[in-house]
Amino acid sequence: FDIAGAHALMNRAISPSFSTGMPIAKAGIDLALHDLTARIRGQSVAERWGHKTPEKLTLSWTINPQTLDETAKLVEEGKRHGYKHFNVKIAPDPKFDIEMCRIVRKMAPDAFFWADANGGYDLATALAVAPKLADIGVDVLEQPIAANRLTGYREIRKQRALPILMDEGVVSSVELIEFIRLGLLDGVAMKPARTAGLWDARRQIEIVQDAGLLFLGSGLTDPDIALAAAIHLYGAYGLKFPAALNGPQFLTGSFLERPLVVSGGDIEIPRGPGFGVQIDEKKIRSMQN
């Protein structure tokens, strides 16, 4: 089962430019191949890799308020669903961000607290904001400036206010290795869709772990299959932090025979061959009508 060979063929059809070409499209094929080949062997995807997974994975609740008044309500909503950890979307307004983060931390003093700027600050703002976020109690800062501002990442990391994660800038393991050598990051927020699927995501996690850097788990508001793939990946590689997988938070309905179960802020990792899930064909047909 040559998944590496499949990626080589896809890369011939859609060539890389700066990095992997059309990674999200390739991720769909990659996930299908991982699920299929593991099913043929009668193994879970994690077992096919020689790994085991825990029964559950802890999740983080996403906070993205439009006004400060909304912030407390969104935190309370997460708590009502059993979530204990929170990730917030910040930038471009530093004053708003600092006050919003202060509210979240006050309401969740024991939470793992993760701020993601999605590249929305300029360098000067990021350098000014990072120490203030650290003082509030933000644990990590993801993608503070645009992905192509490499010297800026070096400056922010040298500040040592708090750990700096990359997201959008790390598509393949090639640039990940380069960025580590350049001293640009303290860790990576992994997303299988961004990395063209599980094949290179695994390599990236192994590179990060071997370098003694942080591996955090995230996603792209993943529906059923992509969510199952992500939790198998993160469980297999021993994710130590709550995963910012917000598909269950924002998506309704499921096309699985047995929908994935989230309880108390934890998601159950399904058992069985492949990703451990079965598509309900009747639900698929009903969605087409």
Foldseek 3Di string as FASTA:
>chain_A
DPLVVVVVVVCVVAPDDVGGGQLLVLAVVSLVVLQVVQVVVFHESLVVVVFDFDQWAFAAQEDEDPQLVCLVVSLVVCVVQQHQAYEYEDDDDLVRVLSSLLVNCVVRVPHQYEYEPVQHYDLVVLQVRLLSSLVSPHAEYENPHDLPPQVSLQVSVVSVSHFYEYELNCQAVVVVVVSVVVVRGQYYADEQSSNSHDPRSLVNLVVCVVSVGAYAYEYDLDAQSSVLRRSSSCRRSPHPHHHHNCVVVPPDDHQWPDGWDAHSSMTGQADIGYSNIHGNVVVVVVVVD
